[in-house]
Amino acid sequence: MKTNNRMLATLVIAILLSLSGLAMAEDSSGMVVASRGEVIALSGGGSRELKQGDFVYVADEIMTAPRSFAVLQFTDGAKVTVRPDSTLIIEQYLYAGNENDEATLNLVSGGLRVITGAMAKSNPENYKVRTPVALMGVRGTEFSIMLCGDEICAEDQLNE
């Protein structure tokens, strides 16, 4: 009888853990689909290392070390590559496929490359990228931003 109770308890714990994993996935804004090197997320006073398959959430501050990067895929299909030595805050990302969709990404330092998803196509006015020097609305399907000190780099500086 004790073995049956232990098996039942183990089964209940496994179910609860899988349900909490599903709840975490449902609350996520996206997922890391590729990464290299040291990539961490700061949120709620804690930090966690990010690897392929990990979820990212609103209010996460994604930081990449030198010679490191992360590719994030968001719920609307957008892909954001966080370049080496960069910091990106996911301020807002709500996608439900309607007029309430809204995203604001805050590039604090470094650079990123974006291939927009469904939200930028259906509600481009609701998809924004904030930097210390500008707030940009997205017009188009692909773009890169690189911060150089207190300004956005010119296109020819991106490859330097």
Protein backbone atom coordinates (compact mmCIF):
# COMPACT_ATOMS: atom_id res chain seq x y z
CA MET A 1 0.00 0.00 0.00
CA LYS A 2 2.88 2.37 0.77
CA THR A 3 4.28 1.82 -2.74
CA ASN A 4 0.92 2.74 -4.29
CA ASN A 5 0.76 5.93 -2.20
CA ARG A 6 4.28 6.89 -3.28
CA MET A 7 3.46 6.21 -6.92
CA LEU A 8 0.28 8.26 -6.64
CA ALA A 9 2.16 11.13 -4.96
CA THR A 10 4.84 10.99 -7.66
CA LEU A 11 2.19 11.03 -10.38
CA VAL A 12 0.39 14.00 -8.80
CA ILE A 13 3.67 15.95 -8.50
CA ALA A 14 4.56 15.17 -12.13
CA ILE A 15 1.14 16.38 -13.30
CA LEU A 16 1.38 19.57 -11.25
CA LEU A 17 4.87 20.29 -12.61
CA SER A 18 3.76 19.76 -16.20
CA LEU A 19 0.72 22.01 -15.67
CA SER A 20 2.89 24.75 -14.18
CA GLY A 21 5.18 24.42 -17.22
CA LEU A 22 2.18 24.85 -19.51
CA ALA A 23 1.05 27.88 -17.53
CA MET A 24 4.53 29.37 -17.84
CA ALA A 25 4.49 28.76 -21.60
CA GLU A 26 1.08 30.42 -21.93
CA ASP A 27 2.31 33.49 -20.02
CA SER A 28 5.43 33.80 -22.15
CA SER A 29 5.97 36.39 -24.85
CA GLY A 30 8.28 34.13 -26.78
CA MET A 31 11.05 31.58 -26.76
CA VAL A 32 14.79 31.40 -27.32
CA VAL A 33 15.19 29.54 -30.62
CA ALA A 34 19.00 29.87 -30.80
CA SER A 35 21.78 31.17 -28.58
CA ARG A 36 25.51 31.16 -28.21
CA GLY A 37 27.67 32.11 -25.27
CA GLU A 38 26.42 33.79 -22.15
CA VAL A 39 22.82 35.01 -22.35
CA ILE A 40 20.88 35.88 -19.21
CA ALA A 41 17.46 37.27 -18.35
CA LEU A 42 16.98 39.54 -15.36
CA SER A 43 13.47 39.72 -13.94
CA GLY A 44 11.81 40.11 -10.58
CA GLY A 45 15.12 40.63 -8.80
CA GLY A 46 16.54 37.33 -10.05
CA SER A 47 18.44 36.11 -13.06
CA ARG A 48 18.41 32.99 -15.18
CA GLU A 49 20.62 31.71 -17.94
CA LEU A 50 18.84 31.46 -21.28
CA LYS A 51 19.38 28.60 -23.70
CA GLN A 52 17.51 27.28 -26.71
CA GLY A 53 13.95 26.29 -25.74
CA ASP A 54 13.69 28.66 -22.76
CA PHE A 55 10.73 31.03 -22.54
CA VAL A 56 11.01 34.83 -22.31
CA TYR A 57 8.47 37.08 -20.64
CA VAL A 58 7.30 40.68 -20.49
CA ALA A 59 9.64 42.67 -18.20
CA ASP A 60 12.59 40.36 -18.91
CA GLU A 61 15.86 42.19 -19.43
CA ILE A 62 17.83 40.08 -21.90
CA MET A 63 21.60 40.56 -21.70
CA THR A 64 24.22 39.08 -24.00
CA ALA A 65 27.94 38.95 -23.23
CA PRO A 66 30.62 39.81 -25.79
CA ARG A 67 30.75 37.15 -28.55
CA SER A 68 27.29 35.92 -27.48
CA PHE A 69 23.84 36.29 -29.02
CA ALA A 70 20.24 35.13 -28.70
CA VAL A 71 17.48 34.69 -31.27
CA LEU A 72 14.05 35.19 -29.73
CA GLN A 73 10.86 34.13 -31.51
CA PHE A 74 7.76 35.91 -30.27
CA THR A 75 4.15 34.70 -30.22
CA ASP A 76 3.28 36.46 -33.50
CA GLY A 77 6.22 34.86 -35.32
CA ALA A 78 8.59 37.85 -35.08
CA LYS A 79 12.27 36.97 -34.68
CA VAL A 80 14.62 39.27 -32.79
CA THR A 81 18.35 38.63 -32.73
CA VAL A 82 19.97 40.26 -29.72
CA ARG A 83 23.53 41.01 -30.83
CA PRO A 84 26.68 40.49 -28.74
CA ASP A 85 27.19 42.79 -25.74
CA SER A 86 23.58 44.03 -25.80
CA THR A 87 20.70 44.63 -23.42
CA LEU A 88 17.06 44.39 -24.51
CA ILE A 89 14.02 44.83 -22.26
CA ILE A 90 10.70 43.32 -23.33
CA GLU A 91 8.48 46.13 -22.05
CA GLN A 92 5.27 44.88 -23.64
CA TYR A 93 4.30 42.04 -25.95
CA LEU A 94 0.66 41.16 -26.31
CA TYR A 95 -0.46 39.30 -29.40
CA ALA A 96 -3.99 37.96 -29.80
CA GLY A 97 -4.46 38.61 -33.51
CA ASN A 98 -6.67 41.69 -33.09
CA GLU A 99 -6.52 45.49 -32.76
CA ASN A 100 -5.36 45.22 -29.12
CA ASP A 101 -2.00 43.71 -30.16
CA GLU A 102 0.89 45.77 -28.84
CA ALA A 103 4.64 45.42 -28.52
CA THR A 104 7.36 47.66 -27.14
CA LEU A 105 10.95 46.48 -27.11
CA ASN A 106 13.56 48.66 -25.38
CA LEU A 107 17.11 48.42 -26.74
CA VAL A 108 19.16 49.76 -23.83
CA SER A 109 22.58 49.08 -25.36
CA GLY A 110 24.18 47.17 -28.22
CA GLY A 111 22.17 46.08 -31.20
CA LEU A 112 19.42 43.92 -32.56
CA ARG A 113 18.04 42.63 -35.81
CA VAL A 114 14.29 42.17 -36.25
CA ILE A 115 12.22 40.20 -38.73
CA THR A 116 8.69 41.29 -37.93
CA GLY A 117 5.77 38.94 -37.46
CA ALA A 118 2.03 39.14 -37.87
CA MET A 119 1.55 42.04 -35.44
CA ALA A 120 3.74 44.49 -37.39
CA LYS A 121 1.91 43.54 -40.57
CA SER A 122 -1.64 43.93 -39.19
CA ASN A 123 -1.03 46.70 -36.60
CA PRO A 124 2.28 48.40 -37.47
CA GLU A 125 1.41 51.45 -35.36
CA ASN A 126 1.36 49.20 -32.25
CA TYR A 127 4.87 47.74 -32.77
CA LYS A 128 7.60 49.97 -31.34
CA VAL A 129 11.29 49.82 -30.55
CA ARG A 130 12.56 52.23 -27.91
CA THR A 131 16.22 53.27 -27.55
CA PRO A 132 17.89 55.84 -25.29
CA VAL A 133 17.84 58.29 -28.22
CA ALA A 134 14.62 57.51 -30.14
CA LEU A 135 11.27 55.73 -30.17
CA MET A 136 10.72 54.06 -33.53
CA GLY A 137 7.58 52.78 -35.09
CA VAL A 138 8.14 49.82 -37.35
CA ARG A 139 7.47 50.16 -41.06
CA GLY A 140 8.70 47.15 -42.96
CA THR A 141 9.48 43.53 -42.35
CA GLU A 142 13.18 43.54 -41.49
CA PHE A 143 15.53 46.03 -39.84
CA SER A 144 18.65 46.34 -37.69
CA ILE A 145 19.52 48.84 -34.98
CA MET A 146 22.95 49.36 -33.44
CA LEU A 147 23.67 51.91 -30.73
CA CYS A 148 27.04 53.68 -30.86
CA GLY A 149 27.40 55.70 -27.68
CA ASP A 150 24.59 58.25 -27.59
CA GLU A 151 23.31 57.70 -31.13
CA ILE A 152 22.11 55.08 -33.55
CA CYS A 153 24.91 53.94 -35.87
CA ALA A 154 24.81 54.57 -39.57
CA GLU A 155 24.18 51.50 -41.75
CA ASP A 156 27.85 51.32 -42.80
CA GLN A 157 28.94 51.22 -39.13
CA LEU A 158 26.94 48.05 -38.42
CA ASN A 159 29.64 45.82 -39.91
CA GLU A 160 32.60 47.51 -38.21
